[in-house]
Amino acid sequence: MCLGIPAQIVSEPNENGMAQVKILGVTRWVSLHMVPDAKPGDHVLVHAGFALEVISEEFAAETLELLREAGIVEDEAEALEAETAQ
């Protein structure tokens, strides 16, 4: 089973179509090739380093809350602590 995680685009895409997104408080590079009209501030579903579709901010928040309730993702503060501990 695959799982797309909501993220917010925080940078313009570079010459390779890659942009930075913020996922649960952590910044990552993802490909925007599948969502060429996406822009900074948009929310997208990310899987395996690719933004798959643009989603609403409300859908992103609801999805993250469901994933937290299911224990699939950690709170942003916990995720950030885990990232900096590595």
PDB file of N, CA and C in Angstrom:
ATOM      1  N   MET A   1       0.845  -1.176   0.000  1.00  0.00           N
ATOM      2  CA  MET A   1       0.000   0.000   0.000  1.00  0.00           C
ATOM      3  C   MET A   1       0.888   1.237   0.000  1.00  0.00           C
ATOM      4  N   CYS A   2       0.498   2.225  -0.775  1.00  0.00           N
ATOM      5  CA  CYS A   2       1.239   3.480  -0.844  1.00  0.00           C
ATOM      6  C   CYS A   2       0.490   4.543  -0.059  1.00  0.00           C
ATOM      7  N   LEU A   3       1.257   5.492   0.441  1.00  0.00           N
ATOM      8  CA  LEU A   3       0.659   6.547   1.238  1.00  0.00           C
ATOM      9  C   LEU A   3       1.248   7.882   0.814  1.00  0.00           C
ATOM     10  N   GLY A   4       0.391   8.806   0.405  1.00  0.00           N
ATOM     11  CA  GLY A   4       0.825  10.163   0.078  1.00  0.00           C
ATOM     12  C   GLY A   4       0.694  11.021   1.321  1.00  0.00           C
ATOM     13  N   ILE A   5       1.706  11.817   1.602  1.00  0.00           N
ATOM     14  CA  ILE A   5       1.719  12.682   2.776  1.00  0.00           C
ATOM     15  C   ILE A   5       1.541  14.127   2.326  1.00  0.00           C
ATOM     16  N   PRO A   6       0.624  14.870   2.944  1.00  0.00           N
ATOM     17  CA  PRO A   6       0.455  16.283   2.587  1.00  0.00           C
ATOM     18  C   PRO A   6       1.699  17.097   2.930  1.00  0.00           C
ATOM     19  N   ALA A   7       2.036  18.026   2.040  1.00  0.00           N
ATOM     20  CA  ALA A   7       3.173  18.918   2.232  1.00  0.00           C
ATOM     21  C   ALA A   7       2.826  20.274   1.629  1.00  0.00           C
ATOM     22  N   GLN A   8       3.557  21.300   2.065  1.00  0.00           N
ATOM     23  CA  GLN A   8       3.367  22.630   1.493  1.00  0.00           C
ATOM     24  C   GLN A   8       4.637  23.033   0.751  1.00  0.00           C
ATOM     25  N   ILE A   9       4.484  23.506  -0.468  1.00  0.00           N
ATOM     26  CA  ILE A   9       5.625  23.955  -1.268  1.00  0.00           C
ATOM     27  C   ILE A   9       6.139  25.263  -0.679  1.00  0.00           C
ATOM     28  N   VAL A  10       7.460  25.318  -0.426  1.00  0.00           N
ATOM     29  CA  VAL A  10       8.046  26.513   0.192  1.00  0.00           C
ATOM     30  C   VAL A  10       9.088  27.198  -0.686  1.00  0.00           C
ATOM     31  N   SER A  11       9.358  26.672  -1.886  1.00  0.00           N
ATOM     32  CA  SER A  11      10.312  27.331  -2.773  1.00  0.00           C
ATOM     33  C   SER A  11       9.856  27.191  -4.221  1.00  0.00           C
ATOM     34  N   GLU A  12      10.401  28.058  -5.061  1.00  0.00           N
ATOM     35  CA  GLU A  12      10.176  27.932  -6.506  1.00  0.00           C
ATOM     36  C   GLU A  12      10.924  26.693  -6.991  1.00  0.00           C
ATOM     37  N   PRO A  13      10.422  26.024  -8.023  1.00  0.00           N
ATOM     38  CA  PRO A  13      11.171  24.881  -8.556  1.00  0.00           C
ATOM     39  C   PRO A  13      12.485  25.334  -9.184  1.00  0.00           C
ATOM     40  N   ASN A  14      13.497  24.480  -9.064  1.00  0.00           N
ATOM     41  CA  ASN A  14      14.794  24.785  -9.681  1.00  0.00           C
ATOM     42  C   ASN A  14      14.772  24.339 -11.141  1.00  0.00           C
ATOM     43  N   GLU A  15      15.921  24.412 -11.811  1.00  0.00           N
ATOM     44  CA  GLU A  15      16.005  24.073 -13.237  1.00  0.00           C
ATOM     45  C   GLU A  15      15.691  22.603 -13.510  1.00  0.00           C
ATOM     46  N   ASN A  16      15.712  21.757 -12.477  1.00  0.00           N
ATOM     47  CA  ASN A  16      15.395  20.330 -12.628  1.00  0.00           C
ATOM     48  C   ASN A  16      13.955  19.999 -12.239  1.00  0.00           C
ATOM     49  N   GLY A  17      13.150  21.021 -11.946  1.00  0.00           N
ATOM     50  CA  GLY A  17      11.764  20.791 -11.562  1.00  0.00           C
ATOM     51  C   GLY A  17      11.596  20.340 -10.128  1.00  0.00           C
ATOM     52  N   MET A  18      12.639  20.529  -9.322  1.00  0.00           N
ATOM     53  CA  MET A  18      12.589  20.146  -7.913  1.00  0.00           C
ATOM     54  C   MET A  18      12.324  21.392  -7.064  1.00  0.00           C
ATOM     55  N   ALA A  19      11.502  21.239  -6.036  1.00  0.00           N
ATOM     56  CA  ALA A  19      11.211  22.341  -5.122  1.00  0.00           C
ATOM     57  C   ALA A  19      11.259  21.819  -3.692  1.00  0.00           C
ATOM     58  N   GLN A  20      11.473  22.737  -2.774  1.00  0.00           N
ATOM     59  CA  GLN A  20      11.449  22.360  -1.365  1.00  0.00           C
ATOM     60  C   GLN A  20      10.011  22.390  -0.873  1.00  0.00           C
ATOM     61  N   VAL A  21       9.675  21.384  -0.066  1.00  0.00           N
ATOM     62  CA  VAL A  21       8.368  21.328   0.581  1.00  0.00           C
ATOM     63  C   VAL A  21       8.586  21.120   2.068  1.00  0.00           C
ATOM     64  N   LYS A  22       7.595  21.520   2.841  1.00  0.00           N
ATOM     65  CA  LYS A  22       7.650  21.303   4.279  1.00  0.00           C
ATOM     66  C   LYS A  22       6.651  20.199   4.610  1.00  0.00           C
ATOM     67  N   ILE A  23       7.179  19.121   5.198  1.00  0.00           N
ATOM     68  CA  ILE A  23       6.367  17.972   5.592  1.00  0.00           C
ATOM     69  C   ILE A  23       6.536  17.788   7.090  1.00  0.00           C
ATOM     70  N   LEU A  24       5.478  18.006   7.843  1.00  0.00           N
ATOM     71  CA  LEU A  24       5.514  17.817   9.296  1.00  0.00           C
ATOM     72  C   LEU A  24       6.690  18.554   9.937  1.00  0.00           C
ATOM     73  N   GLY A  25       6.945  19.771   9.468  1.00  0.00           N
ATOM     74  CA  GLY A  25       8.005  20.578  10.050  1.00  0.00           C
ATOM     75  C   GLY A  25       9.388  20.324   9.496  1.00  0.00           C
ATOM     76  N   VAL A  26       9.521  19.390   8.577  1.00  0.00           N
ATOM     77  CA  VAL A  26      10.816  19.048   7.994  1.00  0.00           C
ATOM     78  C   VAL A  26      10.807  19.450   6.517  1.00  0.00           C
ATOM     79  N   THR A  27      11.882  20.075   6.039  1.00  0.00           N
ATOM     80  CA  THR A  27      11.976  20.504   4.648  1.00  0.00           C
ATOM     81  C   THR A  27      12.673  19.431   3.821  1.00  0.00           C
ATOM     82  N   ARG A  28      12.073  19.119   2.675  1.00  0.00           N
ATOM     83  CA  ARG A  28      12.606  18.109   1.764  1.00  0.00           C
ATOM     84  C   ARG A  28      12.503  18.618   0.330  1.00  0.00           C
ATOM     85  N   TRP A  29      13.324  18.065  -0.566  1.00  0.00           N
ATOM     86  CA  TRP A  29      13.225  18.347  -2.001  1.00  0.00           C
ATOM     87  C   TRP A  29      12.323  17.296  -2.632  1.00  0.00           C
ATOM     88  N   VAL A  30      11.385  17.735  -3.480  1.00  0.00           N
ATOM     89  CA  VAL A  30      10.526  16.813  -4.222  1.00  0.00           C
ATOM     90  C   VAL A  30      10.402  17.284  -5.663  1.00  0.00           C
ATOM     91  N   SER A  31      10.059  16.370  -6.534  1.00  0.00           N
ATOM     92  CA  SER A  31       9.840  16.691  -7.939  1.00  0.00           C
ATOM     93  C   SER A  31       8.425  17.247  -8.123  1.00  0.00           C
ATOM     94  N   LEU A  32       8.330  18.326  -8.899  1.00  0.00           N
ATOM     95  CA  LEU A  32       7.022  18.898  -9.240  1.00  0.00           C
ATOM     96  C   LEU A  32       6.621  18.571 -10.681  1.00  0.00           C
ATOM     97  N   HIS A  33       7.308  17.612 -11.303  1.00  0.00           N
ATOM     98  CA  HIS A  33       7.029  17.291 -12.701  1.00  0.00           C
ATOM     99  C   HIS A  33       5.586  16.840 -12.937  1.00  0.00           C
ATOM    100  N   MET A  34       4.961  16.213 -11.955  1.00  0.00           N
ATOM    101  CA  MET A  34       3.592  15.726 -12.130  1.00  0.00           C
ATOM    102  C   MET A  34       2.550  16.802 -11.826  1.00  0.00           C
ATOM    103  N   VAL A  35       2.994  17.925 -11.256  1.00  0.00           N
ATOM    104  CA  VAL A  35       2.090  19.038 -10.946  1.00  0.00           C
ATOM    105  C   VAL A  35       2.745  20.346 -11.419  1.00  0.00           C
ATOM    106  N   PRO A  36       2.900  20.516 -12.719  1.00  0.00           N
ATOM    107  CA  PRO A  36       3.655  21.647 -13.251  1.00  0.00           C
ATOM    108  C   PRO A  36       3.083  23.021 -12.916  1.00  0.00           C
ATOM    109  N   ASP A  37       1.805  23.101 -12.570  1.00  0.00           N
ATOM    110  CA  ASP A  37       1.197  24.392 -12.242  1.00  0.00           C
ATOM    111  C   ASP A  37       1.283  24.723 -10.751  1.00  0.00           C
ATOM    112  N   ALA A  38       1.843  23.820  -9.949  1.00  0.00           N
ATOM    113  CA  ALA A  38       1.955  24.056  -8.501  1.00  0.00           C
ATOM    114  C   ALA A  38       2.947  25.181  -8.242  1.00  0.00           C
ATOM    115  N   LYS A  39       2.686  25.932  -7.176  1.00  0.00           N
ATOM    116  CA  LYS A  39       3.536  27.079  -6.849  1.00  0.00           C
ATOM    117  C   LYS A  39       3.738  27.158  -5.345  1.00  0.00           C
ATOM    118  N   PRO A  40       4.721  27.945  -4.889  1.00  0.00           N
ATOM    119  CA  PRO A  40       4.938  28.091  -3.450  1.00  0.00           C
ATOM    120  C   PRO A  40       3.646  28.498  -2.740  1.00  0.00           C
ATOM    121  N   GLY A  41       3.422  27.857  -1.606  1.00  0.00           N
ATOM    122  CA  GLY A  41       2.198  28.082  -0.844  1.00  0.00           C
ATOM    123  C   GLY A  41       1.150  27.020  -1.070  1.00  0.00           C
ATOM    124  N   ASP A  42       1.201  26.336  -2.230  1.00  0.00           N
ATOM    125  CA  ASP A  42       0.249  25.260  -2.514  1.00  0.00           C
ATOM    126  C   ASP A  42       0.547  24.052  -1.640  1.00  0.00           C
ATOM    127  N   HIS A  43      -0.487  23.291  -1.363  1.00  0.00           N
ATOM    128  CA  HIS A  43      -0.351  22.017  -0.665  1.00  0.00           C
ATOM    129  C   HIS A  43      -0.424  20.906  -1.696  1.00  0.00           C
ATOM    130  N   VAL A  44       0.406  19.893  -1.528  1.00  0.00           N
ATOM    131  CA  VAL A  44       0.466  18.771  -2.462  1.00  0.00           C
ATOM    132  C   VAL A  44       0.551  17.462  -1.682  1.00  0.00           C
ATOM    133  N   LEU A  45       0.144  16.369  -2.336  1.00  0.00           N
ATOM    134  CA  LEU A  45       0.357  15.035  -1.786  1.00  0.00           C
ATOM    135  C   LEU A  45       1.682  14.534  -2.321  1.00  0.00           C
ATOM    136  N   VAL A  46       2.563  14.070  -1.419  1.00  0.00           N
ATOM    137  CA  VAL A  46       3.899  13.623  -1.807  1.00  0.00           C
ATOM    138  C   VAL A  46       4.051  12.132  -1.522  1.00  0.00           C
ATOM    139  N   HIS A  47       4.590  11.429  -2.499  1.00  0.00           N
ATOM    140  CA  HIS A  47       4.915  10.007  -2.329  1.00  0.00           C
ATOM    141  C   HIS A  47       6.212   9.735  -3.072  1.00  0.00           C
ATOM    142  N   ALA A  48       7.147   9.116  -2.390  1.00  0.00           N
ATOM    143  CA  ALA A  48       8.411   8.679  -2.988  1.00  0.00           C
ATOM    144  C   ALA A  48       9.149   9.812  -3.699  1.00  0.00           C
ATOM    145  N   GLY A  49       9.089  11.015  -3.122  1.00  0.00           N
ATOM    146  CA  GLY A  49       9.831  12.135  -3.676  1.00  0.00           C
ATOM    147  C   GLY A  49       9.151  12.869  -4.812  1.00  0.00           C
ATOM    148  N   PHE A  50       7.889  12.541  -5.078  1.00  0.00           N
ATOM    149  CA  PHE A  50       7.134  13.194  -6.146  1.00  0.00           C
ATOM    150  C   PHE A  50       5.858  13.804  -5.592  1.00  0.00           C
ATOM    151  N   ALA A  51       5.588  15.054  -5.960  1.00  0.00           N
ATOM    152  CA  ALA A  51       4.288  15.661  -5.668  1.00  0.00           C
ATOM    153  C   ALA A  51       3.310  15.093  -6.684  1.00  0.00           C
ATOM    154  N   LEU A  52       2.254  14.449  -6.203  1.00  0.00           N
ATOM    155  CA  LEU A  52       1.325  13.753  -7.100  1.00  0.00           C
ATOM    156  C   LEU A  52       0.143  14.600  -7.527  1.00  0.00           C
ATOM    157  N   GLU A  53      -0.339  15.462  -6.624  1.00  0.00           N
ATOM    158  CA  GLU A  53      -1.463  16.327  -6.964  1.00  0.00           C
ATOM    159  C   GLU A  53      -1.533  17.496  -5.995  1.00  0.00           C
ATOM    160  N   VAL A  54      -2.109  18.586  -6.465  1.00  0.00           N
ATOM    161  CA  VAL A  54      -2.337  19.751  -5.612  1.00  0.00           C
ATOM    162  C   VAL A  54      -3.627  19.493  -4.846  1.00  0.00           C
ATOM    163  N   ILE A  55      -3.606  19.793  -3.542  1.00  0.00           N
ATOM    164  CA  ILE A  55      -4.769  19.585  -2.679  1.00  0.00           C
ATOM    165  C   ILE A  55      -5.063  20.882  -1.922  1.00  0.00           C
ATOM    166  N   SER A  56      -6.235  20.961  -1.344  1.00  0.00           N
ATOM    167  CA  SER A  56      -6.596  22.152  -0.575  1.00  0.00           C
ATOM    168  C   SER A  56      -5.916  22.120   0.795  1.00  0.00           C
ATOM    169  N   GLU A  57      -5.774  23.287   1.391  1.00  0.00           N
ATOM    170  CA  GLU A  57      -5.201  23.372   2.732  1.00  0.00           C
ATOM    171  C   GLU A  57      -6.060  22.602   3.733  1.00  0.00           C
ATOM    172  N   GLU A  58      -7.372  22.658   3.562  1.00  0.00           N
ATOM    173  CA  GLU A  58      -8.286  21.947   4.464  1.00  0.00           C
ATOM    174  C   GLU A  58      -8.093  20.434   4.356  1.00  0.00           C
ATOM    175  N   PHE A  59      -7.986  19.933   3.121  1.00  0.00           N
ATOM    176  CA  PHE A  59      -7.775  18.502   2.926  1.00  0.00           C
ATOM    177  C   PHE A  59      -6.441  18.067   3.530  1.00  0.00           C
ATOM    178  N   ALA A  60      -5.409  18.902   3.364  1.00  0.00           N
ATOM    179  CA  ALA A  60      -4.099  18.589   3.934  1.00  0.00           C
ATOM    180  C   ALA A  60      -4.190  18.477   5.453  1.00  0.00           C
ATOM    181  N   ALA A  61      -4.859  19.432   6.094  1.00  0.00           N
ATOM    182  CA  ALA A  61      -4.984  19.423   7.551  1.00  0.00           C
ATOM    183  C   ALA A  61      -5.788  18.218   8.029  1.00  0.00           C
ATOM    184  N   GLU A  62      -6.886  17.922   7.357  1.00  0.00           N
ATOM    185  CA  GLU A  62      -7.710  16.767   7.731  1.00  0.00           C
ATOM    186  C   GLU A  62      -6.932  15.462   7.583  1.00  0.00           C
ATOM    187  N   THR A  63      -6.195  15.335   6.492  1.00  0.00           N
ATOM    188  CA  THR A  63      -5.423  14.120   6.245  1.00  0.00           C
ATOM    189  C   THR A  63      -4.342  13.930   7.297  1.00  0.00           C
ATOM    190  N   LEU A  64      -3.612  15.008   7.621  1.00  0.00           N
ATOM    191  CA  LEU A  64      -2.572  14.910   8.650  1.00  0.00           C
ATOM    192  C   LEU A  64      -3.170  14.540  10.006  1.00  0.00           C
ATOM    193  N   GLU A  65      -4.329  15.091  10.323  1.00  0.00           N
ATOM    194  CA  GLU A  65      -4.974  14.760  11.597  1.00  0.00           C
ATOM    195  C   GLU A  65      -5.363  13.280  11.633  1.00  0.00           C
ATOM    196  N   LEU A  66      -5.902  12.764  10.547  1.00  0.00           N
ATOM    197  CA  LEU A  66      -6.253  11.335  10.488  1.00  0.00           C
ATOM    198  C   LEU A  66      -5.009  10.454  10.615  1.00  0.00           C
ATOM    199  N   LEU A  67      -3.912  10.860   9.971  1.00  0.00           N
ATOM    200  CA  LEU A  67      -2.680  10.089  10.063  1.00  0.00           C
ATOM    201  C   LEU A  67      -2.107  10.123  11.484  1.00  0.00           C
ATOM    202  N   ARG A  68      -2.252  11.263  12.165  1.00  0.00           N
ATOM    203  CA  ARG A  68      -1.813  11.343  13.568  1.00  0.00           C
ATOM    204  C   ARG A  68      -2.664  10.433  14.457  1.00  0.00           C
ATOM    205  N   GLU A  69      -3.975  10.488  14.272  1.00  0.00           N
ATOM    206  CA  GLU A  69      -4.880   9.653  15.065  1.00  0.00           C
ATOM    207  C   GLU A  69      -4.592   8.170  14.868  1.00  0.00           C
ATOM    208  N   ALA A  70      -4.216   7.805  13.651  1.00  0.00           N
ATOM    209  CA  ALA A  70      -3.909   6.400  13.353  1.00  0.00           C
ATOM    210  C   ALA A  70      -2.508   6.004  13.811  1.00  0.00           C
ATOM    211  N   GLY A  71      -1.728   6.983  14.268  1.00  0.00           N
ATOM    212  CA  GLY A  71      -0.378   6.694  14.729  1.00  0.00           C
ATOM    213  C   GLY A  71       0.618   6.507  13.599  1.00  0.00           C
ATOM    214  N   ILE A  72       0.255   6.947  12.403  1.00  0.00           N
ATOM    215  CA  ILE A  72       1.124   6.772  11.248  1.00  0.00           C
ATOM    216  C   ILE A  72       2.184   7.859  11.187  1.00  0.00           C
ATOM    217  N   VAL A  73       1.824   9.073  11.573  1.00  0.00           N
ATOM    218  CA  VAL A  73       2.788  10.177  11.606  1.00  0.00           C
ATOM    219  C   VAL A  73       2.826  10.760  13.011  1.00  0.00           C
ATOM    220  N   GLU A  74       3.964  11.379  13.316  1.00  0.00           N
ATOM    221  CA  GLU A  74       4.149  12.004  14.614  1.00  0.00           C
ATOM    222  C   GLU A  74       3.723  13.459  14.543  1.00  0.00           C
ATOM    223  N   ASP A  75       3.583  14.053  15.699  1.00  0.00           N
ATOM    224  CA  ASP A  75       3.352  15.486  15.802  1.00  0.00           C
ATOM    225  C   ASP A  75       4.548  16.204  15.192  1.00  0.00           C
ATOM    226  N   GLU A  76       4.365  17.419  14.660  1.00  0.00           N
ATOM    227  CA  GLU A  76       5.458  18.166  14.038  1.00  0.00           C
ATOM    228  C   GLU A  76       6.639  18.345  14.981  1.00  0.00           C
ATOM    229  N   ALA A  77       6.389  18.667  16.225  1.00  0.00           N
ATOM    230  CA  ALA A  77       7.488  18.881  17.188  1.00  0.00           C
ATOM    231  C   ALA A  77       8.270  17.586  17.390  1.00  0.00           C
ATOM    232  N   GLU A  78       7.585  16.454  17.493  1.00  0.00           N
ATOM    233  CA  GLU A  78       8.259  15.170  17.677  1.00  0.00           C
ATOM    234  C   GLU A  78       9.059  14.809  16.429  1.00  0.00           C
ATOM    235  N   ALA A  79       8.497  15.074  15.252  1.00  0.00           N
ATOM    236  CA  ALA A  79       9.209  14.762  14.009  1.00  0.00           C
ATOM    237  C   ALA A  79      10.468  15.617  13.886  1.00  0.00           C
ATOM    238  N   LEU A  80      10.382  16.874  14.259  1.00  0.00           N
ATOM    239  CA  LEU A  80      11.537  17.761  14.184  1.00  0.00           C
ATOM    240  C   LEU A  80      12.617  17.315  15.171  1.00  0.00           C
ATOM    241  N   GLU A  81      12.215  16.933  16.381  1.00  0.00           N
ATOM    242  CA  GLU A  81      13.179  16.437  17.363  1.00  0.00           C
ATOM    243  C   GLU A  81      13.878  15.182  16.850  1.00  0.00           C
ATOM    244  N   ALA A  82      13.132  14.271  16.269  1.00  0.00           N
ATOM    245  CA  ALA A  82      13.705  13.028  15.742  1.00  0.00           C
ATOM    246  C   ALA A  82      14.678  13.338  14.605  1.00  0.00           C
ATOM    247  N   GLU A  83      14.333  14.313  13.758  1.00  0.00           N
ATOM    248  CA  GLU A  83      15.189  14.678  12.634  1.00  0.00           C
ATOM    249  C   GLU A  83      16.509  15.272  13.114  1.00  0.00           C
ATOM    250  N   THR A  84      16.461  16.135  14.110  1.00  0.00           N
ATOM    251  CA  THR A  84      17.679  16.782  14.586  1.00  0.00           C
ATOM    252  C   THR A  84      18.526  15.837  15.426  1.00  0.00           C
ATOM    253  N   ALA A  85      17.951  14.773  15.965  1.00  0.00           N
ATOM    254  CA  ALA A  85      18.686  13.819  16.768  1.00  0.00           C
ATOM    255  C   ALA A  85      19.530  12.876  15.909  1.00  0.00           C
ATOM    256  N   GLN A  86      19.221  12.781  14.634  1.00  0.00           N
ATOM    257  CA  GLN A  86      19.932  11.848  13.742  1.00  0.00           C
ATOM    258  C   GLN A  86      21.283  12.355  13.363  1.00  0.00           C
TER     259      GLN A  86
END
